[in-house]
Amino acid sequence: MRAIYATDLSAASEAAIHNETCLECLERIGVEAIHLVTVIPSNMHAGMPGMNFEERRREGLDRYERVMQEAGFSTETHVVRGTPHRRINGIADAERADLTIVGSRGQSPLANRVLGSTARNLSRTTVVPLLVNRIEREADDPDVLREHLFQRVLYATDFSENADRAFDAFSYLRHATQEATLVHVESPKEPDETDAADQLATLDGRLDQWDIDTNTQVRDGDPAEEILAAEAEVTPTTILLGSRGQSRLRRLLIGSVSETIIAQAASNVYMVPPPRTA
């Protein structure tokens, strides 16, 4: 597997990249090659007094590359200019990457509605599965909150085609997963004619063959709120879910369940987007 590891060389990125347990988890799910990517925003110019952004970022990536190589990964580095999420997606597409990784402290609900972030923009536009590695929000010297990335997975499903694609990720996550909680939320606004308990039981059986301890929950209410409530109950290391994909206008106006989870969850988040289009 090939991974894009996006970093802005911040303290949050430093914490994730230097965490040996996180790197071991990536190796266990089959990641062999890592492309380290940092994006210099277009509004930062080399001619600004005292600023040599490209040289500083290359030095930072060189340090990170040594960490990755010592952990056994083959690596390449990319220092590019432009809009972060667009350049990250472009490299992921060009390299035919299997996932993109980004460290994020998250934001308060109010700030997330006002201010964009690379993680949030990637959740809207990513062309490959996205792993948001959660870092402590209020710390000068932050650490990874849940370093055993896939040990305990909370899988949220609406039984859509893309939720099924997210479930298929267990085919490789299972090498690092010990426990899984399968959650379906029945929303009063969207009546569910399927037997959710039976469908979850079927998924439970598929995980049982891999010796993953599994339990299921059918909840009622707002999907994002109920997924976050389930997270608080079971404290997973990672929330796994699919993104249906929406029109650009709808995304900008109201966001999506996956964006809300990425912004507010305390756990890492692994989001699987719809398949690439030609």
C-alpha atoms as a PDB file:
ATOM      1  CA  MET A   1       0.000   0.000   0.000  1.00  0.00           C
ATOM      2  CA  ARG A   2       1.102   3.555  -0.739  1.00  0.00           C
ATOM      3  CA  ALA A   3       0.211   6.399   1.621  1.00  0.00           C
ATOM      4  CA  ILE A   4       0.313  10.168   1.253  1.00  0.00           C
ATOM      5  CA  TYR A   5       1.392  11.698   4.564  1.00  0.00           C
ATOM      6  CA  ALA A   6       0.475  15.386   4.536  1.00  0.00           C
ATOM      7  CA  THR A   7       2.277  17.628   7.001  1.00  0.00           C
ATOM      8  CA  ASP A   8       2.535  21.334   7.698  1.00  0.00           C
ATOM      9  CA  LEU A   9       5.570  20.728   9.980  1.00  0.00           C
ATOM     10  CA  SER A  10       3.553  21.900  12.987  1.00  0.00           C
ATOM     11  CA  ALA A  11       3.803  20.457  16.492  1.00  0.00           C
ATOM     12  CA  ALA A  12       0.744  18.314  15.719  1.00  0.00           C
ATOM     13  CA  SER A  13       2.424  16.813  12.656  1.00  0.00           C
ATOM     14  CA  GLU A  14       5.605  16.254  14.642  1.00  0.00           C
ATOM     15  CA  ALA A  15       3.701  14.301  17.285  1.00  0.00           C
ATOM     16  CA  ALA A  16       2.087  11.972  14.756  1.00  0.00           C
ATOM     17  CA  ILE A  17       5.150  11.312  12.633  1.00  0.00           C
ATOM     18  CA  HIS A  18       7.408  10.567  15.603  1.00  0.00           C
ATOM     19  CA  ASN A  19       4.929   8.201  17.264  1.00  0.00           C
ATOM     20  CA  GLU A  20       6.386   4.701  16.865  1.00  0.00           C
ATOM     21  CA  THR A  21       3.086   2.972  17.697  1.00  0.00           C
ATOM     22  CA  CYS A  22       1.230   4.862  14.963  1.00  0.00           C
ATOM     23  CA  LEU A  23       3.888   3.919  12.425  1.00  0.00           C
ATOM     24  CA  GLU A  24       3.749   0.275  13.527  1.00  0.00           C
ATOM     25  CA  CYS A  25      -0.038   0.294  13.006  1.00  0.00           C
ATOM     26  CA  LEU A  26       0.410   1.593   9.461  1.00  0.00           C
ATOM     27  CA  GLU A  27       2.909  -1.167   8.761  1.00  0.00           C
ATOM     28  CA  ARG A  28       0.514  -3.795  10.129  1.00  0.00           C
ATOM     29  CA  ILE A  29      -2.266  -2.813   7.707  1.00  0.00           C
ATOM     30  CA  GLY A  30       0.124  -3.108   4.767  1.00  0.00           C
ATOM     31  CA  VAL A  31       1.576   0.376   4.198  1.00  0.00           C
ATOM     32  CA  GLU A  32       5.006  -0.002   2.616  1.00  0.00           C
ATOM     33  CA  ALA A  33       5.647   3.311   0.857  1.00  0.00           C
ATOM     34  CA  ILE A  34       4.995   6.808   2.195  1.00  0.00           C
ATOM     35  CA  HIS A  35       5.021  10.056   0.231  1.00  0.00           C
ATOM     36  CA  LEU A  36       5.675  12.954   2.594  1.00  0.00           C
ATOM     37  CA  VAL A  37       3.928  16.067   1.299  1.00  0.00           C
ATOM     38  CA  THR A  38       4.038  19.644   2.513  1.00  0.00           C
ATOM     39  CA  VAL A  39       2.268  22.496   0.744  1.00  0.00           C
ATOM     40  CA  ILE A  40       3.411  26.107   0.834  1.00  0.00           C
ATOM     41  CA  PRO A  41       0.274  28.266   0.518  1.00  0.00           C
ATOM     42  CA  SER A  42       0.208  30.424  -2.600  1.00  0.00           C
ATOM     43  CA  ASN A  43       0.115  33.638  -0.563  1.00  0.00           C
ATOM     44  CA  MET A  44       3.533  32.910   0.987  1.00  0.00           C
ATOM     45  CA  HIS A  45       6.276  34.324  -1.227  1.00  0.00           C
ATOM     46  CA  ALA A  46       9.995  33.537  -1.126  1.00  0.00           C
ATOM     47  CA  GLY A  47      10.777  37.239  -1.348  1.00  0.00           C
ATOM     48  CA  MET A  48       9.132  38.049   1.983  1.00  0.00           C
ATOM     49  CA  PRO A  49      11.757  39.403   4.441  1.00  0.00           C
ATOM     50  CA  GLY A  50      13.515  36.670   6.443  1.00  0.00           C
ATOM     51  CA  MET A  51      11.400  33.911   4.922  1.00  0.00           C
ATOM     52  CA  ASN A  52      12.742  30.980   2.941  1.00  0.00           C
ATOM     53  CA  PHE A  53       9.711  28.726   3.122  1.00  0.00           C
ATOM     54  CA  GLU A  54      10.824  26.104   0.639  1.00  0.00           C
ATOM     55  CA  GLU A  55      14.237  25.536   2.227  1.00  0.00           C
ATOM     56  CA  ARG A  56      12.718  25.303   5.724  1.00  0.00           C
ATOM     57  CA  ARG A  57      10.110  22.804   4.583  1.00  0.00           C
ATOM     58  CA  ARG A  58      12.628  20.667   2.756  1.00  0.00           C
ATOM     59  CA  GLU A  59      14.763  20.522   5.892  1.00  0.00           C
ATOM     60  CA  GLY A  60      11.710  19.486   7.899  1.00  0.00           C
ATOM     61  CA  LEU A  61      10.728  16.798   5.416  1.00  0.00           C
ATOM     62  CA  ASP A  62      14.292  15.476   5.413  1.00  0.00           C
ATOM     63  CA  ARG A  63      14.017  14.929   9.187  1.00  0.00           C
ATOM     64  CA  TYR A  64      10.668  13.180   8.807  1.00  0.00           C
ATOM     65  CA  GLU A  65      11.991  11.077   5.931  1.00  0.00           C
ATOM     66  CA  ARG A  66      14.750   9.710   8.166  1.00  0.00           C
ATOM     67  CA  VAL A  67      12.153   8.757  10.797  1.00  0.00           C
ATOM     68  CA  MET A  68      10.056   6.935   8.195  1.00  0.00           C
ATOM     69  CA  GLN A  69      13.022   5.129   6.700  1.00  0.00           C
ATOM     70  CA  GLU A  70      14.222   3.977  10.118  1.00  0.00           C
ATOM     71  CA  ALA A  71      10.709   2.574  10.650  1.00  0.00           C
ATOM     72  CA  GLY A  72      11.104   0.511   7.466  1.00  0.00           C
ATOM     73  CA  PHE A  73       9.104   2.522   4.925  1.00  0.00           C
ATOM     74  CA  SER A  74      10.294   3.513   1.485  1.00  0.00           C
ATOM     75  CA  THR A  75       9.785   7.252   1.112  1.00  0.00           C
ATOM     76  CA  GLU A  76       9.564  10.152  -1.285  1.00  0.00           C
ATOM     77  CA  THR A  77       9.199  13.826  -0.404  1.00  0.00           C
ATOM     78  CA  HIS A  78       7.201  16.566  -2.134  1.00  0.00           C
ATOM     79  CA  VAL A  79       7.400  20.312  -1.415  1.00  0.00           C
ATOM     80  CA  VAL A  80       4.776  22.067  -3.518  1.00  0.00           C
ATOM     81  CA  ARG A  81       2.924  25.356  -3.698  1.00  0.00           C
ATOM     82  CA  GLY A  82      -0.787  25.971  -3.953  1.00  0.00           C
ATOM     83  CA  THR A  83      -3.993  25.224  -2.052  1.00  0.00           C
ATOM     84  CA  PRO A  84      -3.160  22.450   0.460  1.00  0.00           C
ATOM     85  CA  HIS A  85      -6.082  20.057  -0.043  1.00  0.00           C
ATOM     86  CA  ARG A  86      -5.970  20.408  -3.831  1.00  0.00           C
ATOM     87  CA  ARG A  87      -2.257  19.711  -4.089  1.00  0.00           C
ATOM     88  CA  ILE A  88      -2.498  16.803  -1.625  1.00  0.00           C
ATOM     89  CA  ASN A  89      -5.346  15.272  -3.645  1.00  0.00           C
ATOM     90  CA  GLY A  90      -3.422  15.834  -6.866  1.00  0.00           C
ATOM     91  CA  ILE A  91      -0.380  13.954  -5.584  1.00  0.00           C
ATOM     92  CA  ALA A  92      -2.560  11.162  -4.161  1.00  0.00           C
ATOM     93  CA  ASP A  93      -4.201  10.757  -7.561  1.00  0.00           C
ATOM     94  CA  ALA A  94      -0.936  10.940  -9.522  1.00  0.00           C
ATOM     95  CA  GLU A  95       0.782   8.396  -7.277  1.00  0.00           C
ATOM     96  CA  ARG A  96      -2.290   6.106  -7.207  1.00  0.00           C
ATOM     97  CA  ALA A  97      -2.105   6.200  -3.417  1.00  0.00           C
ATOM     98  CA  ASP A  98      -4.221   3.901  -1.254  1.00  0.00           C
ATOM     99  CA  LEU A  99      -4.789   6.414   1.539  1.00  0.00           C
ATOM    100  CA  THR A 100      -4.008   9.935   2.714  1.00  0.00           C
ATOM    101  CA  ILE A 101      -2.954  10.657   6.298  1.00  0.00           C
ATOM    102  CA  VAL A 102      -3.179  14.018   8.033  1.00  0.00           C
ATOM    103  CA  GLY A 103      -2.722  14.997  11.683  1.00  0.00           C
ATOM    104  CA  SER A 104      -5.375  17.278  13.122  1.00  0.00           C
ATOM    105  CA  ARG A 105      -6.176  18.855  16.464  1.00  0.00           C
ATOM    106  CA  GLY A 106      -9.774  19.357  15.359  1.00  0.00           C
ATOM    107  CA  GLN A 107     -11.781  22.494  16.094  1.00  0.00           C
ATOM    108  CA  SER A 108     -14.653  23.628  18.219  1.00  0.00           C
ATOM    109  CA  PRO A 109     -18.056  23.229  16.507  1.00  0.00           C
ATOM    110  CA  LEU A 110     -18.388  27.014  16.139  1.00  0.00           C
ATOM    111  CA  ALA A 111     -14.885  27.465  14.728  1.00  0.00           C
ATOM    112  CA  ASN A 112     -15.454  24.646  12.268  1.00  0.00           C
ATOM    113  CA  ARG A 113     -18.469  26.432  10.820  1.00  0.00           C
ATOM    114  CA  VAL A 114     -16.469  29.622  10.337  1.00  0.00           C
ATOM    115  CA  LEU A 115     -12.943  28.478   9.550  1.00  0.00           C
ATOM    116  CA  GLY A 116     -11.888  25.859   7.062  1.00  0.00           C
ATOM    117  CA  SER A 117      -9.024  23.445   7.680  1.00  0.00           C
ATOM    118  CA  THR A 118      -6.994  21.092   5.548  1.00  0.00           C
ATOM    119  CA  ALA A 119      -8.550  18.068   7.262  1.00  0.00           C
ATOM    120  CA  ARG A 120     -12.069  19.367   6.716  1.00  0.00           C
ATOM    121  CA  ASN A 121     -11.414  20.267   3.086  1.00  0.00           C
ATOM    122  CA  LEU A 122      -9.875  16.850   2.492  1.00  0.00           C
ATOM    123  CA  SER A 123     -12.963  15.226   3.990  1.00  0.00           C
ATOM    124  CA  ARG A 124     -15.004  16.964   1.286  1.00  0.00           C
ATOM    125  CA  THR A 125     -12.742  16.272  -1.661  1.00  0.00           C
ATOM    126  CA  THR A 126     -10.370  13.359  -1.000  1.00  0.00           C
ATOM    127  CA  VAL A 127      -9.929  10.886  -3.850  1.00  0.00           C
ATOM    128  CA  VAL A 128      -8.674   8.070  -1.572  1.00  0.00           C
ATOM    129  CA  PRO A 129      -9.490   6.900   1.977  1.00  0.00           C
ATOM    130  CA  LEU A 130      -8.535   9.568   4.513  1.00  0.00           C
ATOM    131  CA  LEU A 131      -7.042   8.881   7.944  1.00  0.00           C
ATOM    132  CA  VAL A 132      -7.289  11.837  10.324  1.00  0.00           C
ATOM    133  CA  ASN A 133      -4.818  11.195  13.130  1.00  0.00           C
ATOM    134  CA  ARG A 134      -6.195  13.014  16.170  1.00  0.00           C
ATOM    135  CA  ILE A 135      -3.761  15.139  18.167  1.00  0.00           C
ATOM    136  CA  GLU A 136      -4.315  16.837  21.549  1.00  0.00           C
ATOM    137  CA  ARG A 137      -6.173  20.089  21.031  1.00  0.00           C
ATOM    138  CA  GLU A 138      -4.961  22.210  23.942  1.00  0.00           C
ATOM    139  CA  ALA A 139      -1.268  21.551  24.467  1.00  0.00           C
ATOM    140  CA  ASP A 140       1.969  23.353  23.641  1.00  0.00           C
ATOM    141  CA  ASP A 141       3.714  19.994  23.264  1.00  0.00           C
ATOM    142  CA  PRO A 142       0.873  17.860  21.894  1.00  0.00           C
ATOM    143  CA  ASP A 143       0.713  14.088  21.670  1.00  0.00           C
ATOM    144  CA  VAL A 144      -1.388  11.615  19.701  1.00  0.00           C
ATOM    145  CA  LEU A 145      -4.636  10.955  21.567  1.00  0.00           C
ATOM    146  CA  ARG A 146      -5.123   7.297  20.578  1.00  0.00           C
ATOM    147  CA  GLU A 147      -1.936   5.876  19.150  1.00  0.00           C
ATOM    148  CA  HIS A 148      -3.150   2.289  18.529  1.00  0.00           C
ATOM    149  CA  LEU A 149      -4.814   3.487  15.364  1.00  0.00           C
ATOM    150  CA  PHE A 150      -7.072   0.560  14.470  1.00  0.00           C
ATOM    151  CA  GLN A 151      -7.149  -1.507  17.666  1.00  0.00           C
ATOM    152  CA  ARG A 152     -10.777  -0.614  18.512  1.00  0.00           C
ATOM    153  CA  VAL A 153     -12.905   0.449  15.561  1.00  0.00           C
ATOM    154  CA  LEU A 154     -16.327   2.106  15.656  1.00  0.00           C
ATOM    155  CA  TYR A 155     -17.887   1.435  12.244  1.00  0.00           C
ATOM    156  CA  ALA A 156     -20.877   3.631  11.381  1.00  0.00           C
ATOM    157  CA  THR A 157     -23.136   2.492   8.540  1.00  0.00           C
ATOM    158  CA  ASP A 158     -26.311   3.598   6.781  1.00  0.00           C
ATOM    159  CA  PHE A 159     -26.152   0.432   4.616  1.00  0.00           C
ATOM    160  CA  SER A 160     -25.405   2.513   1.533  1.00  0.00           C
ATOM    161  CA  GLU A 161     -23.055   1.361  -1.194  1.00  0.00           C
ATOM    162  CA  ASN A 162     -20.278   3.558   0.098  1.00  0.00           C
ATOM    163  CA  ALA A 163     -20.778   2.405   3.692  1.00  0.00           C
ATOM    164  CA  ASP A 164     -20.227  -1.100   2.323  1.00  0.00           C
ATOM    165  CA  ARG A 165     -17.004   0.113   0.715  1.00  0.00           C
ATOM    166  CA  ALA A 166     -15.905   1.422   4.109  1.00  0.00           C
ATOM    167  CA  PHE A 167     -16.660  -1.952   5.704  1.00  0.00           C
ATOM    168  CA  ASP A 168     -14.464  -3.613   3.080  1.00  0.00           C
ATOM    169  CA  ALA A 169     -11.524  -1.743   4.627  1.00  0.00           C
ATOM    170  CA  PHE A 170     -11.602  -4.361   7.392  1.00  0.00           C
ATOM    171  CA  SER A 171      -9.949  -6.700   4.867  1.00  0.00           C
ATOM    172  CA  TYR A 172      -6.665  -4.954   5.720  1.00  0.00           C
ATOM    173  CA  LEU A 173      -7.481  -3.104   8.950  1.00  0.00           C
ATOM    174  CA  ARG A 174      -8.162  -6.490  10.585  1.00  0.00           C
ATOM    175  CA  HIS A 175      -4.428  -7.054  10.934  1.00  0.00           C
ATOM    176  CA  ALA A 176      -4.430  -4.292  13.560  1.00  0.00           C
ATOM    177  CA  THR A 177      -8.034  -4.578  14.867  1.00  0.00           C
ATOM    178  CA  GLN A 178      -9.042  -6.440  18.030  1.00  0.00           C
ATOM    179  CA  GLU A 179     -12.515  -4.996  18.704  1.00  0.00           C
ATOM    180  CA  ALA A 180     -15.254  -3.453  16.566  1.00  0.00           C
ATOM    181  CA  THR A 181     -18.542  -1.751  17.359  1.00  0.00           C
ATOM    182  CA  LEU A 182     -21.015  -1.633  14.464  1.00  0.00           C
ATOM    183  CA  VAL A 183     -23.500   1.241  14.648  1.00  0.00           C
ATOM    184  CA  HIS A 184     -26.546   2.144  12.565  1.00  0.00           C
ATOM    185  CA  VAL A 185     -28.565   5.278  13.299  1.00  0.00           C
ATOM    186  CA  GLU A 186     -32.234   5.386  12.319  1.00  0.00           C
ATOM    187  CA  SER A 187     -33.197   8.960  11.593  1.00  0.00           C
ATOM    188  CA  PRO A 188     -36.810  10.152  12.003  1.00  0.00           C
ATOM    189  CA  LYS A 189     -36.302  12.291   8.864  1.00  0.00           C
ATOM    190  CA  GLU A 190     -35.333   9.262   6.776  1.00  0.00           C
ATOM    191  CA  PRO A 191     -37.468   6.245   7.758  1.00  0.00           C
ATOM    192  CA  ASP A 192     -35.541   2.969   7.455  1.00  0.00           C
ATOM    193  CA  GLU A 193     -37.464   0.097   5.912  1.00  0.00           C
ATOM    194  CA  THR A 194     -34.670  -2.429   6.418  1.00  0.00           C
ATOM    195  CA  ASP A 195     -34.118  -4.623   9.468  1.00  0.00           C
ATOM    196  CA  ALA A 196     -31.015  -2.915  10.814  1.00  0.00           C
ATOM    197  CA  ALA A 197     -30.390  -5.465  13.562  1.00  0.00           C
ATOM    198  CA  ASP A 198     -30.332  -8.325  11.043  1.00  0.00           C
ATOM    199  CA  GLN A 199     -27.996  -6.470   8.697  1.00  0.00           C
ATOM    200  CA  LEU A 200     -25.611  -5.625  11.526  1.00  0.00           C
ATOM    201  CA  ALA A 201     -25.692  -9.272  12.618  1.00  0.00           C
ATOM    202  CA  THR A 202     -24.589 -10.277   9.118  1.00  0.00           C
ATOM    203  CA  LEU A 203     -21.650  -7.868   9.291  1.00  0.00           C
ATOM    204  CA  ASP A 204     -20.872  -9.144  12.787  1.00  0.00           C
ATOM    205  CA  GLY A 205     -20.542 -12.647  11.330  1.00  0.00           C
ATOM    206  CA  ARG A 206     -18.110 -11.481   8.680  1.00  0.00           C
ATOM    207  CA  LEU A 207     -15.833  -9.969  11.333  1.00  0.00           C
ATOM    208  CA  ASP A 208     -16.121 -13.032  13.528  1.00  0.00           C
ATOM    209  CA  GLN A 209     -14.208 -15.056  10.937  1.00  0.00           C
ATOM    210  CA  TRP A 210     -11.238 -12.789  11.594  1.00  0.00           C
ATOM    211  CA  ASP A 211     -11.490 -13.210  15.391  1.00  0.00           C
ATOM    212  CA  ILE A 212     -12.515  -9.583  15.925  1.00  0.00           C
ATOM    213  CA  ASP A 213     -14.644  -9.139  19.051  1.00  0.00           C
ATOM    214  CA  THR A 214     -17.767  -7.362  17.827  1.00  0.00           C
ATOM    215  CA  ASN A 215     -20.903  -5.773  19.230  1.00  0.00           C
ATOM    216  CA  THR A 216     -23.711  -3.935  17.466  1.00  0.00           C
ATOM    217  CA  GLN A 217     -25.903  -0.918  18.206  1.00  0.00           C
ATOM    218  CA  VAL A 218     -29.046   0.419  16.535  1.00  0.00           C
ATOM    219  CA  ARG A 219     -29.638   3.997  17.661  1.00  0.00           C
ATOM    220  CA  ASP A 220     -32.301   6.635  16.952  1.00  0.00           C
ATOM    221  CA  GLY A 221     -31.748  10.310  16.264  1.00  0.00           C
ATOM    222  CA  ASP A 222     -29.432  12.607  14.360  1.00  0.00           C
ATOM    223  CA  PRO A 223     -26.705  10.470  12.722  1.00  0.00           C
ATOM    224  CA  ALA A 224     -23.710  12.654  13.610  1.00  0.00           C
ATOM    225  CA  GLU A 225     -24.879  13.213  17.190  1.00  0.00           C
ATOM    226  CA  GLU A 226     -25.559   9.523  17.755  1.00  0.00           C
ATOM    227  CA  ILE A 227     -22.230   8.426  16.281  1.00  0.00           C
ATOM    228  CA  LEU A 228     -20.433  10.846  18.598  1.00  0.00           C
ATOM    229  CA  ALA A 229     -22.531   9.568  21.530  1.00  0.00           C
ATOM    230  CA  ALA A 230     -21.552   5.997  20.654  1.00  0.00           C
ATOM    231  CA  GLU A 231     -17.913   7.104  20.509  1.00  0.00           C
ATOM    232  CA  ALA A 232     -18.166   8.518  24.026  1.00  0.00           C
ATOM    233  CA  GLU A 233     -19.551   5.189  25.260  1.00  0.00           C
ATOM    234  CA  VAL A 234     -17.094   2.767  23.676  1.00  0.00           C
ATOM    235  CA  THR A 235     -13.975   4.997  23.287  1.00  0.00           C
ATOM    236  CA  PRO A 236     -12.719   3.542  20.003  1.00  0.00           C
ATOM    237  CA  THR A 237      -9.276   4.331  18.680  1.00  0.00           C
ATOM    238  CA  THR A 238     -10.717   5.014  15.214  1.00  0.00           C
ATOM    239  CA  ILE A 239     -14.140   5.755  13.710  1.00  0.00           C
ATOM    240  CA  LEU A 240     -14.617   4.127  10.301  1.00  0.00           C
ATOM    241  CA  LEU A 241     -17.267   5.494   7.944  1.00  0.00           C
ATOM    242  CA  GLY A 242     -18.030   6.191   4.320  1.00  0.00           C
ATOM    243  CA  SER A 243     -18.772   9.529   2.718  1.00  0.00           C
ATOM    244  CA  ARG A 244     -21.685   9.586   0.296  1.00  0.00           C
ATOM    245  CA  GLY A 245     -20.388  12.618  -1.541  1.00  0.00           C
ATOM    246  CA  GLN A 246     -22.602  15.648  -2.105  1.00  0.00           C
ATOM    247  CA  SER A 247     -22.970  18.561  -4.461  1.00  0.00           C
ATOM    248  CA  ARG A 248     -20.495  21.381  -3.872  1.00  0.00           C
ATOM    249  CA  LEU A 249     -23.250  23.821  -2.838  1.00  0.00           C
ATOM    250  CA  ARG A 250     -24.767  21.390  -0.342  1.00  0.00           C
ATOM    251  CA  ARG A 251     -21.344  20.711   1.193  1.00  0.00           C
ATOM    252  CA  LEU A 252     -20.664  24.408   1.649  1.00  0.00           C
ATOM    253  CA  LEU A 253     -24.066  25.147   3.173  1.00  0.00           C
ATOM    254  CA  ILE A 254     -24.628  22.364   5.660  1.00  0.00           C
ATOM    255  CA  GLY A 255     -21.632  20.034   5.670  1.00  0.00           C
ATOM    256  CA  SER A 256     -21.981  16.282   6.026  1.00  0.00           C
ATOM    257  CA  VAL A 257     -21.971  13.638   8.738  1.00  0.00           C
ATOM    258  CA  SER A 258     -18.376  12.743   7.922  1.00  0.00           C
ATOM    259  CA  GLU A 259     -17.239  16.377   8.171  1.00  0.00           C
ATOM    260  CA  THR A 260     -18.940  16.750  11.555  1.00  0.00           C
ATOM    261  CA  ILE A 261     -17.293  13.585  12.843  1.00  0.00           C
ATOM    262  CA  ILE A 262     -13.873  14.680  11.585  1.00  0.00           C
ATOM    263  CA  ALA A 263     -14.286  18.070  13.256  1.00  0.00           C
ATOM    264  CA  GLN A 264     -15.633  16.921  16.624  1.00  0.00           C
ATOM    265  CA  ALA A 265     -14.558  13.336  17.324  1.00  0.00           C
ATOM    266  CA  ALA A 266     -11.907  12.636  19.943  1.00  0.00           C
ATOM    267  CA  SER A 267     -10.883   9.469  18.072  1.00  0.00           C
ATOM    268  CA  ASN A 268      -8.953   9.090  14.868  1.00  0.00           C
ATOM    269  CA  VAL A 269     -11.245   8.987  11.830  1.00  0.00           C
ATOM    270  CA  TYR A 270     -10.874   6.754   8.758  1.00  0.00           C
ATOM    271  CA  MET A 271     -13.181   7.974   5.989  1.00  0.00           C
ATOM    272  CA  VAL A 272     -13.720   6.121   2.709  1.00  0.00           C
ATOM    273  CA  PRO A 273     -14.912   8.309  -0.208  1.00  0.00           C
ATOM    274  CA  PRO A 274     -16.874   7.228  -3.292  1.00  0.00           C
ATOM    275  CA  PRO A 275     -14.744   5.537  -5.968  1.00  0.00           C
ATOM    276  CA  ARG A 276     -12.585   7.633  -8.279  1.00  0.00           C
ATOM    277  CA  THR A 277     -14.317   8.789 -11.435  1.00  0.00           C
ATOM    278  CA  ALA A 278     -12.609   8.498 -14.795  1.00  0.00           C
END
